[in-house]
Amino acid sequence: MWGMERNFCRVYVAYIKDFRDNQFVPDFIRAELQHINSPKVIDEKRAGYGLLQYAVQDVFGYRDDFHDVFQTDNRKPMSPKYCFSISHSGKLCAVALSNKNVGVDIEEINLAKDMDKFKKILLHENEKKLSINTHEKLFVMFTQKEAMFKFNNEHKVFLPQRINTQTFDSYSTTLKSATDTYAFSCVGEAINQIQLQSLAVDIVLD
């Protein structure tokens, strides 16, 4: 891991609009972009790797062109030089960079979402007795599950009911701006060393 001796986990959060002009993406993403018609999805994919490039520069001191980043059979992107995970929702994207396996997820909290329906698709059988009575708690749990899904890299399809949040540790919080609130979680082998940094001046980390 480029001479780094200690475990680390750095997480960066930024606005998609600030990184959407990035042109450095892995070959498999470049191929995907040729078949995507949604400007929003294109911006999200470009911004995710733009933020990752910022993170790599910040941690390792060089600019990565991602030529050796590849995709596993379960569609997890990986680098031979470091571990990373990318997520995006609403106006924000998040990147986790570590020397150990890592998964990250960020989700804009939708207060209009039907909580009972959400619980039916979200909760593992062993979680149904937990006191989860706010949108914020539900969305945080959702991010914990998706972060774990990315960390495990065992399936192509994300089925939250299969994942029991009581069986693993995560770093979870909420991020707030003047108009939006986001749930955030990170799962990894080095989350005890996590450092979370917002590149958006108006985003408050709880």
C-alpha atoms as a PDB file:
ATOM      1  CA  MET A   1       0.000   0.000   0.000  1.00  0.00           C
ATOM      2  CA  TRP A   2       2.591   2.486  -1.136  1.00  0.00           C
ATOM      3  CA  GLY A   3       4.647   2.309   2.030  1.00  0.00           C
ATOM      4  CA  MET A   4       1.906   3.192   4.511  1.00  0.00           C
ATOM      5  CA  GLU A   5       2.586   1.297   7.730  1.00  0.00           C
ATOM      6  CA  ARG A   6      -0.610   1.878   9.712  1.00  0.00           C
ATOM      7  CA  ASN A   7      -4.188   0.992   8.932  1.00  0.00           C
ATOM      8  CA  PHE A   8      -6.280   3.917   7.772  1.00  0.00           C
ATOM      9  CA  CYS A   9      -9.760   4.712   6.478  1.00  0.00           C
ATOM     10  CA  ARG A  10     -10.395   8.137   4.976  1.00  0.00           C
ATOM     11  CA  VAL A  11     -13.862   9.191   3.857  1.00  0.00           C
ATOM     12  CA  TYR A  12     -14.577  12.216   1.695  1.00  0.00           C
ATOM     13  CA  VAL A  13     -17.992  13.772   1.004  1.00  0.00           C
ATOM     14  CA  ALA A  14     -18.593  16.373  -1.709  1.00  0.00           C
ATOM     15  CA  TYR A  15     -21.202  17.806  -4.022  1.00  0.00           C
ATOM     16  CA  ILE A  16     -21.544  15.916  -7.294  1.00  0.00           C
ATOM     17  CA  LYS A  17     -21.555  19.201  -9.223  1.00  0.00           C
ATOM     18  CA  ASP A  18     -18.024  19.971  -8.005  1.00  0.00           C
ATOM     19  CA  PHE A  19     -16.529  16.798  -9.531  1.00  0.00           C
ATOM     20  CA  ARG A  20     -18.830  15.963 -12.462  1.00  0.00           C
ATOM     21  CA  ASP A  21     -16.401  17.333 -15.072  1.00  0.00           C
ATOM     22  CA  ASN A  22     -13.825  14.673 -14.167  1.00  0.00           C
ATOM     23  CA  GLN A  23     -12.611  12.738 -17.221  1.00  0.00           C
ATOM     24  CA  PHE A  24     -10.566  10.072 -15.404  1.00  0.00           C
ATOM     25  CA  VAL A  25     -12.598   6.864 -15.024  1.00  0.00           C
ATOM     26  CA  PRO A  26     -11.778   3.154 -15.337  1.00  0.00           C
ATOM     27  CA  ASP A  27     -12.189   1.542 -18.751  1.00  0.00           C
ATOM     28  CA  PHE A  28     -15.311  -0.386 -17.707  1.00  0.00           C
ATOM     29  CA  ILE A  29     -16.969   2.850 -16.560  1.00  0.00           C
ATOM     30  CA  ARG A  30     -15.997   4.587 -19.813  1.00  0.00           C
ATOM     31  CA  ALA A  31     -17.677   1.751 -21.697  1.00  0.00           C
ATOM     32  CA  GLU A  32     -20.814   2.062 -19.544  1.00  0.00           C
ATOM     33  CA  LEU A  33     -21.023   5.809 -20.150  1.00  0.00           C
ATOM     34  CA  GLN A  34     -21.403   5.231 -23.882  1.00  0.00           C
ATOM     35  CA  HIS A  35     -24.763   3.545 -23.228  1.00  0.00           C
ATOM     36  CA  ILE A  36     -26.129   5.897 -20.556  1.00  0.00           C
ATOM     37  CA  ASN A  37     -28.572   8.596 -21.630  1.00  0.00           C
ATOM     38  CA  SER A  38     -29.212  10.146 -18.213  1.00  0.00           C
ATOM     39  CA  PRO A  39     -27.031  13.230 -17.570  1.00  0.00           C
ATOM     40  CA  LYS A  40     -27.602  12.717 -13.831  1.00  0.00           C
ATOM     41  CA  VAL A  41     -26.183   9.180 -13.883  1.00  0.00           C
ATOM     42  CA  ILE A  42     -23.235  10.282 -16.010  1.00  0.00           C
ATOM     43  CA  ASP A  43     -22.495  13.092 -13.549  1.00  0.00           C
ATOM     44  CA  GLU A  44     -22.682  10.663 -10.616  1.00  0.00           C
ATOM     45  CA  LYS A  45     -20.236   8.206 -12.154  1.00  0.00           C
ATOM     46  CA  ARG A  46     -17.756  10.874 -13.209  1.00  0.00           C
ATOM     47  CA  ALA A  47     -18.011  12.670  -9.863  1.00  0.00           C
ATOM     48  CA  GLY A  48     -17.416   9.485  -7.870  1.00  0.00           C
ATOM     49  CA  TYR A  49     -14.086   8.855  -9.569  1.00  0.00           C
ATOM     50  CA  GLY A  50     -13.236  12.544  -9.521  1.00  0.00           C
ATOM     51  CA  LEU A  51     -13.622  12.504  -5.754  1.00  0.00           C
ATOM     52  CA  LEU A  52     -11.631   9.257  -5.559  1.00  0.00           C
ATOM     53  CA  GLN A  53      -8.832  10.915  -7.515  1.00  0.00           C
ATOM     54  CA  TYR A  54      -8.893  13.781  -5.006  1.00  0.00           C
ATOM     55  CA  ALA A  55      -8.701  11.255  -2.147  1.00  0.00           C
ATOM     56  CA  VAL A  56      -5.780   9.358  -3.675  1.00  0.00           C
ATOM     57  CA  GLN A  57      -3.917  12.616  -4.231  1.00  0.00           C
ATOM     58  CA  ASP A  58      -4.605  13.676  -0.651  1.00  0.00           C
ATOM     59  CA  VAL A  59      -3.520  10.386   0.923  1.00  0.00           C
ATOM     60  CA  PHE A  60      -0.784   9.096  -1.398  1.00  0.00           C
ATOM     61  CA  GLY A  61       0.355  12.260  -3.151  1.00  0.00           C
ATOM     62  CA  TYR A  62      -0.175  11.193  -6.770  1.00  0.00           C
ATOM     63  CA  ARG A  63      -2.947  11.393  -9.372  1.00  0.00           C
ATOM     64  CA  ASP A  64      -4.397   8.039 -10.364  1.00  0.00           C
ATOM     65  CA  ASP A  65      -5.745   7.586 -13.892  1.00  0.00           C
ATOM     66  CA  PHE A  66      -7.496   4.326 -12.811  1.00  0.00           C
ATOM     67  CA  HIS A  67      -6.086   2.333 -15.745  1.00  0.00           C
ATOM     68  CA  ASP A  68      -5.655  -0.709 -13.480  1.00  0.00           C
ATOM     69  CA  VAL A  69      -9.013  -0.472 -11.679  1.00  0.00           C
ATOM     70  CA  PHE A  70     -11.159  -3.488 -12.536  1.00  0.00           C
ATOM     71  CA  GLN A  71     -14.567  -4.928 -11.717  1.00  0.00           C
ATOM     72  CA  THR A  72     -15.198  -8.250  -9.962  1.00  0.00           C
ATOM     73  CA  ASP A  73     -17.806 -10.755 -11.114  1.00  0.00           C
ATOM     74  CA  ASN A  74     -20.168  -9.157  -8.590  1.00  0.00           C
ATOM     75  CA  ARG A  75     -19.491  -5.705 -10.080  1.00  0.00           C
ATOM     76  CA  LYS A  76     -17.363  -4.395  -7.213  1.00  0.00           C
ATOM     77  CA  PRO A  77     -14.680  -2.006  -8.500  1.00  0.00           C
ATOM     78  CA  MET A  78     -11.209  -2.737  -7.128  1.00  0.00           C
ATOM     79  CA  SER A  79      -7.672  -1.415  -7.399  1.00  0.00           C
ATOM     80  CA  PRO A  80      -4.472  -3.441  -6.886  1.00  0.00           C
ATOM     81  CA  LYS A  81      -2.950  -0.466  -5.017  1.00  0.00           C
ATOM     82  CA  TYR A  82      -5.619   0.413  -2.430  1.00  0.00           C
ATOM     83  CA  CYS A  83      -9.166  -0.382  -1.273  1.00  0.00           C
ATOM     84  CA  PHE A  84     -12.038   1.984  -2.007  1.00  0.00           C
ATOM     85  CA  SER A  85     -15.790   2.333  -2.190  1.00  0.00           C
ATOM     86  CA  ILE A  86     -17.995   4.959  -3.867  1.00  0.00           C
ATOM     87  CA  SER A  87     -21.574   6.039  -3.207  1.00  0.00           C
ATOM     88  CA  HIS A  88     -23.845   8.856  -4.339  1.00  0.00           C
ATOM     89  CA  SER A  89     -27.340  10.079  -3.543  1.00  0.00           C
ATOM     90  CA  GLY A  90     -29.192  13.313  -4.130  1.00  0.00           C
ATOM     91  CA  LYS A  91     -26.624  16.071  -4.518  1.00  0.00           C
ATOM     92  CA  LEU A  92     -23.763  14.316  -2.728  1.00  0.00           C
ATOM     93  CA  CYS A  93     -21.160  11.659  -3.396  1.00  0.00           C
ATOM     94  CA  ALA A  94     -18.943   9.869  -0.894  1.00  0.00           C
ATOM     95  CA  VAL A  95     -15.668   7.975  -1.260  1.00  0.00           C
ATOM     96  CA  ALA A  96     -13.954   5.723   1.268  1.00  0.00           C
ATOM     97  CA  LEU A  97     -10.247   5.043   0.778  1.00  0.00           C
ATOM     98  CA  SER A  98      -8.397   2.490   2.917  1.00  0.00           C
ATOM     99  CA  ASN A  99      -5.591  -0.036   3.030  1.00  0.00           C
ATOM    100  CA  LYS A 100      -8.200  -2.613   4.094  1.00  0.00           C
ATOM    101  CA  ASN A 101     -11.434  -3.807   2.514  1.00  0.00           C
ATOM    102  CA  VAL A 102     -14.163  -1.172   2.840  1.00  0.00           C
ATOM    103  CA  GLY A 103     -17.757  -0.405   1.870  1.00  0.00           C
ATOM    104  CA  VAL A 104     -19.536   2.950   2.009  1.00  0.00           C
ATOM    105  CA  ASP A 105     -23.069   4.196   1.425  1.00  0.00           C
ATOM    106  CA  ILE A 106     -24.794   7.579   1.533  1.00  0.00           C
ATOM    107  CA  GLU A 107     -28.537   8.104   1.134  1.00  0.00           C
ATOM    108  CA  GLU A 108     -30.661  11.246   1.086  1.00  0.00           C
ATOM    109  CA  ILE A 109     -33.353  10.862   3.772  1.00  0.00           C
ATOM    110  CA  ASN A 110     -36.801  10.969   2.193  1.00  0.00           C
ATOM    111  CA  LEU A 111     -39.349  11.972   4.837  1.00  0.00           C
ATOM    112  CA  ALA A 112     -42.212  11.170   2.454  1.00  0.00           C
ATOM    113  CA  LYS A 113     -41.272   7.495   2.276  1.00  0.00           C
ATOM    114  CA  ASP A 114     -43.839   5.140   3.789  1.00  0.00           C
ATOM    115  CA  MET A 115     -42.108   3.742   6.886  1.00  0.00           C
ATOM    116  CA  ASP A 116     -44.156   0.540   7.125  1.00  0.00           C
ATOM    117  CA  LYS A 117     -43.475  -0.394   3.503  1.00  0.00           C
ATOM    118  CA  PHE A 118     -39.823   0.515   3.942  1.00  0.00           C
ATOM    119  CA  LYS A 119     -39.522  -1.742   6.980  1.00  0.00           C
ATOM    120  CA  LYS A 120     -40.979  -4.691   5.052  1.00  0.00           C
ATOM    121  CA  ILE A 121     -38.232  -4.588   2.445  1.00  0.00           C
ATOM    122  CA  LEU A 122     -35.484  -3.516   4.848  1.00  0.00           C
ATOM    123  CA  LEU A 123     -35.640  -5.492   8.089  1.00  0.00           C
ATOM    124  CA  HIS A 124     -33.996  -8.846   8.684  1.00  0.00           C
ATOM    125  CA  GLU A 125     -36.128 -11.250  10.721  1.00  0.00           C
ATOM    126  CA  ASN A 126     -33.947 -10.643  13.787  1.00  0.00           C
ATOM    127  CA  GLU A 127     -34.316  -6.859  13.469  1.00  0.00           C
ATOM    128  CA  LYS A 128     -38.107  -6.685  13.572  1.00  0.00           C
ATOM    129  CA  LYS A 129     -38.239  -6.251  17.360  1.00  0.00           C
ATOM    130  CA  LEU A 130     -35.846  -3.289  17.308  1.00  0.00           C
ATOM    131  CA  SER A 131     -37.185   0.179  18.043  1.00  0.00           C
ATOM    132  CA  ILE A 132     -36.783   1.905  14.692  1.00  0.00           C
ATOM    133  CA  ASN A 133     -39.406   4.617  14.682  1.00  0.00           C
ATOM    134  CA  THR A 134     -37.963   7.465  12.616  1.00  0.00           C
ATOM    135  CA  HIS A 135     -37.043   7.951   8.974  1.00  0.00           C
ATOM    136  CA  GLU A 136     -33.536   8.836  10.066  1.00  0.00           C
ATOM    137  CA  LYS A 137     -33.023   5.514  11.867  1.00  0.00           C
ATOM    138  CA  LEU A 138     -34.420   3.553   8.916  1.00  0.00           C
ATOM    139  CA  PHE A 139     -32.217   5.278   6.386  1.00  0.00           C
ATOM    140  CA  VAL A 140     -29.148   4.868   8.594  1.00  0.00           C
ATOM    141  CA  MET A 141     -29.902   1.145   8.811  1.00  0.00           C
ATOM    142  CA  PHE A 142     -30.304   1.030   5.030  1.00  0.00           C
ATOM    143  CA  THR A 143     -26.847   2.584   4.582  1.00  0.00           C
ATOM    144  CA  GLN A 144     -25.362   0.104   7.062  1.00  0.00           C
ATOM    145  CA  LYS A 145     -26.740  -2.769   5.016  1.00  0.00           C
ATOM    146  CA  GLU A 146     -25.614  -1.413   1.660  1.00  0.00           C
ATOM    147  CA  ALA A 147     -22.155  -0.605   3.010  1.00  0.00           C
ATOM    148  CA  MET A 148     -21.922  -4.196   4.279  1.00  0.00           C
ATOM    149  CA  PHE A 149     -23.141  -5.483   0.898  1.00  0.00           C
ATOM    150  CA  LYS A 150     -20.331  -3.586  -0.830  1.00  0.00           C
ATOM    151  CA  PHE A 151     -17.807  -4.753   1.753  1.00  0.00           C
ATOM    152  CA  ASN A 152     -18.725  -8.432   1.407  1.00  0.00           C
ATOM    153  CA  ASN A 153     -18.843  -8.551  -2.407  1.00  0.00           C
ATOM    154  CA  GLU A 154     -20.735 -11.861  -2.224  1.00  0.00           C
ATOM    155  CA  HIS A 155     -23.795 -11.111  -4.394  1.00  0.00           C
ATOM    156  CA  LYS A 156     -24.670  -9.094  -7.477  1.00  0.00           C
ATOM    157  CA  VAL A 157     -28.099  -8.061  -6.144  1.00  0.00           C
ATOM    158  CA  PHE A 158     -28.592  -6.044  -2.966  1.00  0.00           C
ATOM    159  CA  LEU A 159     -31.333  -7.633  -0.808  1.00  0.00           C
ATOM    160  CA  PRO A 160     -31.390  -5.762   2.532  1.00  0.00           C
ATOM    161  CA  GLN A 161     -33.583  -8.342   4.289  1.00  0.00           C
ATOM    162  CA  ARG A 162     -30.702 -10.834   4.059  1.00  0.00           C
ATOM    163  CA  ILE A 163     -28.364  -8.588   6.037  1.00  0.00           C
ATOM    164  CA  ASN A 164     -28.574  -8.386   9.834  1.00  0.00           C
ATOM    165  CA  THR A 165     -26.984  -5.188  11.159  1.00  0.00           C
ATOM    166  CA  GLN A 166     -26.627  -6.786  14.597  1.00  0.00           C
ATOM    167  CA  THR A 167     -23.862  -9.070  13.291  1.00  0.00           C
ATOM    168  CA  PHE A 168     -21.279  -6.456  12.265  1.00  0.00           C
ATOM    169  CA  ASP A 169     -19.843  -3.081  13.272  1.00  0.00           C
ATOM    170  CA  SER A 170     -20.212   0.098  11.252  1.00  0.00           C
ATOM    171  CA  TYR A 171     -19.487   3.791  11.466  1.00  0.00           C
ATOM    172  CA  SER A 172     -22.778   5.628  10.934  1.00  0.00           C
ATOM    173  CA  THR A 173     -23.840   9.245  11.102  1.00  0.00           C
ATOM    174  CA  THR A 174     -26.031  11.863   9.439  1.00  0.00           C
ATOM    175  CA  LEU A 175     -24.950  14.793   7.301  1.00  0.00           C
ATOM    176  CA  LYS A 176     -27.045  17.941   7.203  1.00  0.00           C
ATOM    177  CA  SER A 177     -27.231  20.939   4.916  1.00  0.00           C
ATOM    178  CA  ALA A 178     -29.663  23.837   4.970  1.00  0.00           C
ATOM    179  CA  THR A 179     -32.196  21.851   2.932  1.00  0.00           C
ATOM    180  CA  ASP A 180     -31.262  18.152   3.010  1.00  0.00           C
ATOM    181  CA  THR A 181     -30.320  15.416   5.463  1.00  0.00           C
ATOM    182  CA  TYR A 182     -28.321  12.323   4.507  1.00  0.00           C
ATOM    183  CA  ALA A 183     -27.677   9.020   6.236  1.00  0.00           C
ATOM    184  CA  PHE A 184     -24.148   7.674   5.966  1.00  0.00           C
ATOM    185  CA  SER A 185     -22.404   4.429   6.912  1.00  0.00           C
ATOM    186  CA  CYS A 186     -19.018   2.843   6.424  1.00  0.00           C
ATOM    187  CA  VAL A 187     -18.091  -0.800   7.027  1.00  0.00           C
ATOM    188  CA  GLY A 188     -14.509  -1.972   6.934  1.00  0.00           C
ATOM    189  CA  GLU A 189     -11.560  -3.618   8.586  1.00  0.00           C
ATOM    190  CA  ALA A 190     -10.088  -0.236   9.536  1.00  0.00           C
ATOM    191  CA  ILE A 191     -13.169   1.750  10.599  1.00  0.00           C
ATOM    192  CA  ASN A 192     -11.625   2.318  14.041  1.00  0.00           C
ATOM    193  CA  GLN A 193      -9.246   4.669  12.211  1.00  0.00           C
ATOM    194  CA  ILE A 194     -11.926   6.412  10.171  1.00  0.00           C
ATOM    195  CA  GLN A 195     -11.516  10.087   9.346  1.00  0.00           C
ATOM    196  CA  LEU A 196     -14.501  11.790   7.717  1.00  0.00           C
ATOM    197  CA  GLN A 197     -14.011  14.996   5.756  1.00  0.00           C
ATOM    198  CA  SER A 198     -16.620  17.123   3.987  1.00  0.00           C
ATOM    199  CA  LEU A 199     -15.455  19.151   0.990  1.00  0.00           C
ATOM    200  CA  ALA A 200     -18.802  20.962   0.973  1.00  0.00           C
ATOM    201  CA  VAL A 201     -18.611  23.941   3.343  1.00  0.00           C
ATOM    202  CA  ASP A 202     -22.323  23.905   4.147  1.00  0.00           C
ATOM    203  CA  ILE A 203     -22.528  20.219   5.052  1.00  0.00           C
ATOM    204  CA  VAL A 204     -22.529  19.634   8.822  1.00  0.00           C
ATOM    205  CA  LEU A 205     -21.286  16.272  10.117  1.00  0.00           C
ATOM    206  CA  ASP A 206     -23.263  15.049  13.137  1.00  0.00           C
END
